[in-house]
N, C-alpha and C. Protein backbone atom coordinates (compact mmCIF):
# COMPACT_ATOMS: atom_id res chain seq x y z
N MET A 1 12.74 -0.78 -8.51
CA MET A 1 12.31 0.30 -7.67
C MET A 1 11.09 -0.08 -7.09
N ILE A 2 10.02 -0.46 -7.84
CA ILE A 2 8.76 -0.75 -7.27
C ILE A 2 8.74 -2.02 -6.38
N LYS A 3 9.67 -2.86 -6.78
CA LYS A 3 9.70 -4.08 -5.95
C LYS A 3 10.16 -3.65 -4.48
N ASP A 4 11.15 -2.91 -4.42
CA ASP A 4 11.79 -2.65 -3.04
C ASP A 4 10.67 -1.78 -2.30
N LEU A 5 9.92 -0.94 -3.11
CA LEU A 5 8.89 -0.08 -2.28
C LEU A 5 7.90 -0.94 -1.82
N VAL A 6 7.14 -1.88 -2.55
CA VAL A 6 6.24 -2.74 -2.18
C VAL A 6 6.50 -3.66 -0.98
N ALA A 7 7.83 -4.20 -1.15
CA ALA A 7 8.41 -4.92 -0.04
C ALA A 7 8.34 -4.12 1.24
N GLU A 8 8.94 -2.86 0.99
CA GLU A 8 9.05 -2.03 2.31
C GLU A 8 7.81 -1.79 2.92
N VAL A 9 6.72 -1.43 2.31
CA VAL A 9 5.54 -1.31 2.77
C VAL A 9 4.58 -2.39 3.25
N ASN A 10 4.87 -3.67 2.83
CA ASN A 10 4.39 -4.93 2.83
C ASN A 10 3.00 -4.57 2.00
N GLY A 11 3.05 -4.04 0.85
CA GLY A 11 1.81 -3.63 0.12
C GLY A 11 1.66 -4.67 -1.10
N VAL A 12 0.68 -4.36 -1.76
CA VAL A 12 0.13 -4.76 -3.12
C VAL A 12 0.18 -3.77 -4.10
N ILE A 13 0.21 -4.19 -5.31
CA ILE A 13 0.12 -3.18 -6.49
C ILE A 13 -1.38 -2.90 -6.76
N VAL A 14 -1.82 -1.72 -6.92
CA VAL A 14 -3.22 -1.44 -7.23
C VAL A 14 -3.19 -0.77 -8.57
N GLU A 15 -4.30 -1.27 -9.39
CA GLU A 15 -4.49 -0.82 -10.82
C GLU A 15 -5.79 -0.82 -11.11
N CYS A 16 -6.08 -0.02 -11.95
CA CYS A 16 -7.49 0.01 -12.73
C CYS A 16 -7.31 -0.11 -14.15
N ASN A 17 -8.32 -0.64 -14.89
CA ASN A 17 -8.55 -0.63 -16.16
C ASN A 17 -8.38 0.70 -16.94
N THR A 18 -7.98 0.83 -18.11
CA THR A 18 -7.98 2.23 -18.62
C THR A 18 -9.29 2.47 -19.61
N ALA A 19 -9.77 3.73 -19.58
CA ALA A 19 -10.81 3.98 -20.27
C ALA A 19 -10.51 4.34 -21.90
N TYR A 20 -9.20 4.44 -22.06
CA TYR A 20 -8.72 4.89 -23.46
C TYR A 20 -8.32 3.84 -24.37
N GLY A 21 -8.60 2.48 -24.07
CA GLY A 21 -8.12 1.44 -25.09
C GLY A 21 -6.85 0.77 -24.59
N GLY A 22 -6.31 0.05 -25.42
CA GLY A 22 -4.91 -0.41 -25.28
C GLY A 22 -5.00 -1.82 -24.47
N SER A 23 -3.58 -2.11 -23.99
CA SER A 23 -3.48 -3.56 -23.50
C SER A 23 -4.00 -3.55 -21.89
N ARG A 24 -4.62 -2.48 -21.47
CA ARG A 24 -5.06 -2.54 -20.12
C ARG A 24 -6.45 -1.99 -19.90
N ALA A 25 -7.24 -2.13 -21.19
CA ALA A 25 -8.79 -1.54 -21.35
C ALA A 25 -9.53 -2.61 -20.88
N SER A 26 -9.11 -4.00 -20.65
CA SER A 26 -10.12 -4.90 -20.27
C SER A 26 -9.29 -5.76 -19.12
N THR A 27 -10.04 -6.30 -18.19
CA THR A 27 -9.36 -6.93 -17.23
C THR A 27 -8.33 -8.18 -17.61
N ALA A 28 -9.01 -9.03 -18.61
CA ALA A 28 -8.23 -10.13 -18.99
C ALA A 28 -6.88 -9.69 -19.82
N ALA A 29 -6.93 -8.53 -20.51
CA ALA A 29 -5.71 -8.30 -21.29
C ALA A 29 -4.91 -7.36 -20.12
N HIS A 30 -5.51 -6.86 -19.17
CA HIS A 30 -4.63 -6.23 -18.20
C HIS A 30 -3.91 -7.35 -17.48
N ARG A 31 -4.55 -8.23 -16.99
CA ARG A 31 -3.78 -9.26 -16.30
C ARG A 31 -2.63 -9.88 -17.01
N GLN A 32 -2.98 -9.93 -18.39
CA GLN A 32 -1.65 -10.60 -19.17
C GLN A 32 -0.59 -9.59 -19.37
N THR A 33 -1.00 -8.16 -19.47
CA THR A 33 0.05 -7.15 -19.44
C THR A 33 0.90 -7.24 -18.01
N ILE A 34 0.11 -7.26 -17.08
CA ILE A 34 0.79 -7.34 -15.64
C ILE A 34 1.77 -8.62 -15.63
N LYS A 35 1.27 -9.83 -16.13
CA LYS A 35 2.23 -10.99 -16.20
C LYS A 35 3.42 -10.54 -17.14
N ASP A 36 3.09 -10.08 -18.36
CA ASP A 36 4.16 -9.81 -19.44
C ASP A 36 5.26 -8.80 -18.75
N HIS A 37 4.76 -8.04 -17.93
CA HIS A 37 5.90 -7.09 -17.31
C HIS A 37 6.33 -7.47 -16.00
N GLY A 38 5.93 -8.79 -15.58
CA GLY A 38 6.37 -9.26 -14.22
C GLY A 38 6.06 -8.63 -13.03
N PHE A 39 5.10 -7.75 -12.97
CA PHE A 39 4.51 -7.29 -11.76
C PHE A 39 3.92 -8.37 -10.98
N ASP A 40 3.32 -9.50 -11.50
CA ASP A 40 2.56 -10.38 -10.62
C ASP A 40 3.96 -11.18 -9.89
N GLN A 41 5.01 -11.13 -10.26
CA GLN A 41 6.12 -11.78 -9.64
C GLN A 41 6.69 -10.85 -8.40
N ILE A 42 6.27 -9.59 -8.31
CA ILE A 42 6.59 -8.64 -7.31
C ILE A 42 5.64 -8.67 -6.14
N ALA A 43 4.57 -8.87 -6.47
CA ALA A 43 3.39 -8.73 -5.37
C ALA A 43 2.10 -8.83 -5.84
N GLU A 44 1.16 -9.13 -5.08
CA GLU A 44 -0.28 -9.38 -5.50
C GLU A 44 -0.66 -7.89 -6.12
N VAL A 45 -1.45 -8.16 -7.21
CA VAL A 45 -1.96 -7.05 -7.94
C VAL A 45 -3.60 -7.09 -7.94
N ASP A 46 -4.09 -6.03 -7.41
CA ASP A 46 -5.53 -5.73 -7.27
C ASP A 46 -5.91 -4.82 -8.52
N ILE A 47 -6.80 -5.25 -9.33
CA ILE A 47 -7.32 -4.39 -10.42
C ILE A 47 -8.81 -3.90 -9.77
N MET A 48 -8.54 -2.72 -9.39
CA MET A 48 -9.84 -2.08 -8.69
C MET A 48 -11.14 -2.27 -9.25
N ASP A 49 -11.31 -2.19 -10.44
CA ASP A 49 -12.53 -2.03 -11.24
C ASP A 49 -12.87 -3.41 -11.91
N GLU A 50 -12.15 -4.61 -11.49
CA GLU A 50 -12.30 -5.97 -12.21
C GLU A 50 -13.78 -6.58 -11.86
N HIS A 51 -14.38 -6.00 -10.82
CA HIS A 51 -15.80 -6.47 -10.66
C HIS A 51 -16.82 -5.23 -10.67
N GLY A 52 -16.45 -4.21 -11.43
CA GLY A 52 -17.34 -3.21 -11.59
C GLY A 52 -16.83 -1.89 -11.01
N SER A 53 -17.64 -0.91 -11.14
CA SER A 53 -17.60 0.53 -10.73
C SER A 53 -18.34 0.98 -9.77
N MET A 54 -18.11 2.04 -9.13
CA MET A 54 -19.07 2.71 -8.21
C MET A 54 -18.82 4.26 -8.30
N GLU A 55 -19.84 4.73 -8.24
CA GLU A 55 -19.74 6.35 -8.36
C GLU A 55 -19.77 7.24 -6.94
N ILE A 56 -18.91 8.01 -6.83
CA ILE A 56 -18.62 8.57 -5.58
C ILE A 56 -18.76 10.20 -5.86
N PRO A 57 -19.21 10.88 -4.89
CA PRO A 57 -19.54 12.34 -5.14
C PRO A 57 -18.11 13.08 -4.91
N VAL A 58 -18.01 14.27 -5.71
CA VAL A 58 -16.84 15.04 -5.81
C VAL A 58 -17.58 16.40 -5.31
N PRO A 59 -17.45 16.57 -3.91
CA PRO A 59 -17.89 17.76 -3.57
C PRO A 59 -17.23 19.02 -3.80
N HIS A 60 -17.89 20.06 -3.92
CA HIS A 60 -17.35 21.41 -4.31
C HIS A 60 -16.56 21.60 -5.53
N ALA A 61 -16.85 20.73 -6.38
CA ALA A 61 -16.21 20.71 -7.66
C ALA A 61 -16.93 21.63 -8.68
N GLU A 62 -16.08 22.34 -9.55
CA GLU A 62 -16.81 23.16 -10.29
C GLU A 62 -17.38 22.45 -11.68
N TYR A 63 -16.56 21.41 -12.28
CA TYR A 63 -16.95 20.73 -13.31
C TYR A 63 -17.61 19.21 -13.15
N LEU A 64 -16.98 18.55 -12.05
CA LEU A 64 -17.48 17.22 -11.92
C LEU A 64 -18.48 17.13 -10.60
N LYS A 65 -19.54 16.38 -10.71
CA LYS A 65 -20.41 16.22 -9.57
C LYS A 65 -20.23 14.89 -8.87
N SER A 66 -19.84 13.92 -9.80
CA SER A 66 -19.11 12.63 -9.26
C SER A 66 -18.19 11.95 -10.16
N ASP A 67 -17.56 10.94 -9.64
CA ASP A 67 -16.41 10.22 -10.34
C ASP A 67 -16.75 8.73 -10.34
N LEU A 68 -16.43 7.90 -11.36
CA LEU A 68 -16.43 6.53 -11.28
C LEU A 68 -15.14 6.05 -10.92
N VAL A 69 -15.27 5.14 -9.89
CA VAL A 69 -14.04 4.35 -9.53
C VAL A 69 -14.03 3.15 -9.38
N GLY A 70 -13.14 2.21 -9.34
CA GLY A 70 -13.20 0.78 -9.12
C GLY A 70 -14.07 0.47 -7.97
N ALA A 71 -15.06 -0.57 -7.91
CA ALA A 71 -15.57 -1.00 -6.89
C ALA A 71 -14.80 -1.57 -5.68
N GLY A 72 -13.57 -1.97 -6.05
CA GLY A 72 -12.63 -2.51 -5.27
C GLY A 72 -12.33 -1.48 -4.17
N ARG A 73 -12.42 -0.13 -4.52
CA ARG A 73 -12.03 0.97 -3.59
C ARG A 73 -12.77 0.78 -2.27
N ASP A 74 -13.83 0.21 -2.31
CA ASP A 74 -14.80 0.02 -1.14
C ASP A 74 -14.24 -1.05 -0.16
N LEU A 75 -13.39 -1.85 -0.76
CA LEU A 75 -12.80 -2.98 0.07
C LEU A 75 -11.53 -2.64 0.86
N LEU A 76 -10.97 -1.50 0.49
CA LEU A 76 -9.62 -0.88 1.19
C LEU A 76 -9.83 0.01 2.05
N PRO A 77 -10.21 -0.23 3.33
CA PRO A 77 -10.37 0.89 4.37
C PRO A 77 -8.98 1.32 4.91
N THR A 78 -8.02 0.67 4.56
CA THR A 78 -6.62 1.29 4.81
C THR A 78 -5.92 1.70 3.77
N LEU A 79 -6.56 2.22 2.73
CA LEU A 79 -5.87 2.56 1.54
C LEU A 79 -4.81 3.81 2.07
N LYS A 80 -3.57 3.39 1.64
CA LYS A 80 -2.63 4.50 1.90
C LYS A 80 -1.72 4.45 0.70
N LYS A 81 -1.74 5.67 0.08
CA LYS A 81 -0.91 5.82 -1.20
C LYS A 81 0.41 6.19 -0.89
N VAL A 82 1.49 5.53 -1.37
CA VAL A 82 2.91 5.71 -1.39
C VAL A 82 3.60 6.21 -2.35
N GLY A 83 2.97 6.25 -3.59
CA GLY A 83 3.66 6.65 -4.74
C GLY A 83 2.61 6.74 -6.03
N LEU A 84 2.68 7.59 -6.83
CA LEU A 84 2.02 7.57 -8.01
C LEU A 84 2.99 7.26 -9.12
N LEU A 85 2.93 6.35 -9.74
CA LEU A 85 3.80 5.59 -10.72
C LEU A 85 3.61 5.96 -12.21
N ARG A 86 2.17 6.22 -12.46
CA ARG A 86 1.88 6.47 -13.82
C ARG A 86 0.75 7.74 -13.83
N ALA A 87 1.29 8.93 -14.39
CA ALA A 87 0.47 9.95 -14.32
C ALA A 87 -0.94 9.60 -14.98
N GLN A 88 -1.13 8.75 -16.01
CA GLN A 88 -2.35 8.75 -16.90
C GLN A 88 -3.37 7.65 -15.79
N ASP A 89 -2.82 6.84 -14.87
CA ASP A 89 -3.55 6.06 -14.21
C ASP A 89 -3.44 6.47 -12.54
N SER A 90 -4.38 7.22 -12.33
CA SER A 90 -4.20 7.64 -10.94
C SER A 90 -4.60 6.74 -9.77
N CYS A 91 -4.74 5.44 -10.34
CA CYS A 91 -5.03 4.54 -9.28
C CYS A 91 -3.87 3.65 -9.11
N TRP A 92 -2.93 3.87 -9.98
CA TRP A 92 -1.62 2.88 -9.97
C TRP A 92 -0.78 3.38 -8.74
N SER A 93 -0.98 2.67 -7.58
CA SER A 93 -0.07 3.09 -6.29
C SER A 93 -0.12 1.78 -5.45
N GLN A 94 0.60 1.83 -4.32
CA GLN A 94 0.60 0.82 -3.47
C GLN A 94 0.07 1.13 -2.29
N TYR A 95 -0.63 0.24 -1.57
CA TYR A 95 -1.20 0.36 -0.35
C TYR A 95 -0.72 -0.49 0.69
N GLN A 96 -0.88 -0.19 1.93
CA GLN A 96 -0.45 -0.99 3.10
C GLN A 96 -1.66 -1.54 3.69
N ARG A 97 -1.68 -2.91 3.83
CA ARG A 97 -2.81 -3.55 4.62
C ARG A 97 -2.71 -3.42 5.97
């Protein structure tokens, strides 16, 4: 399913390292997990926080004043979400360049 979707939008897979540990908590382990599951054979995979994080404001929020997101977010001016594939990883989506 993901392969067809990524091909249809000429996209890449966008990921973020997890904050809760496991096989995607560090970029190196995350890259291995991507390889183990074959996602690197489907499309390019961008790990948005591979080169650090950036803080963005959360206006009008009751509890959060800001959010930490992958610094790579700043490099994607044409970010277009076409599907949320994992509820625990809000940044697992595809985008069209």
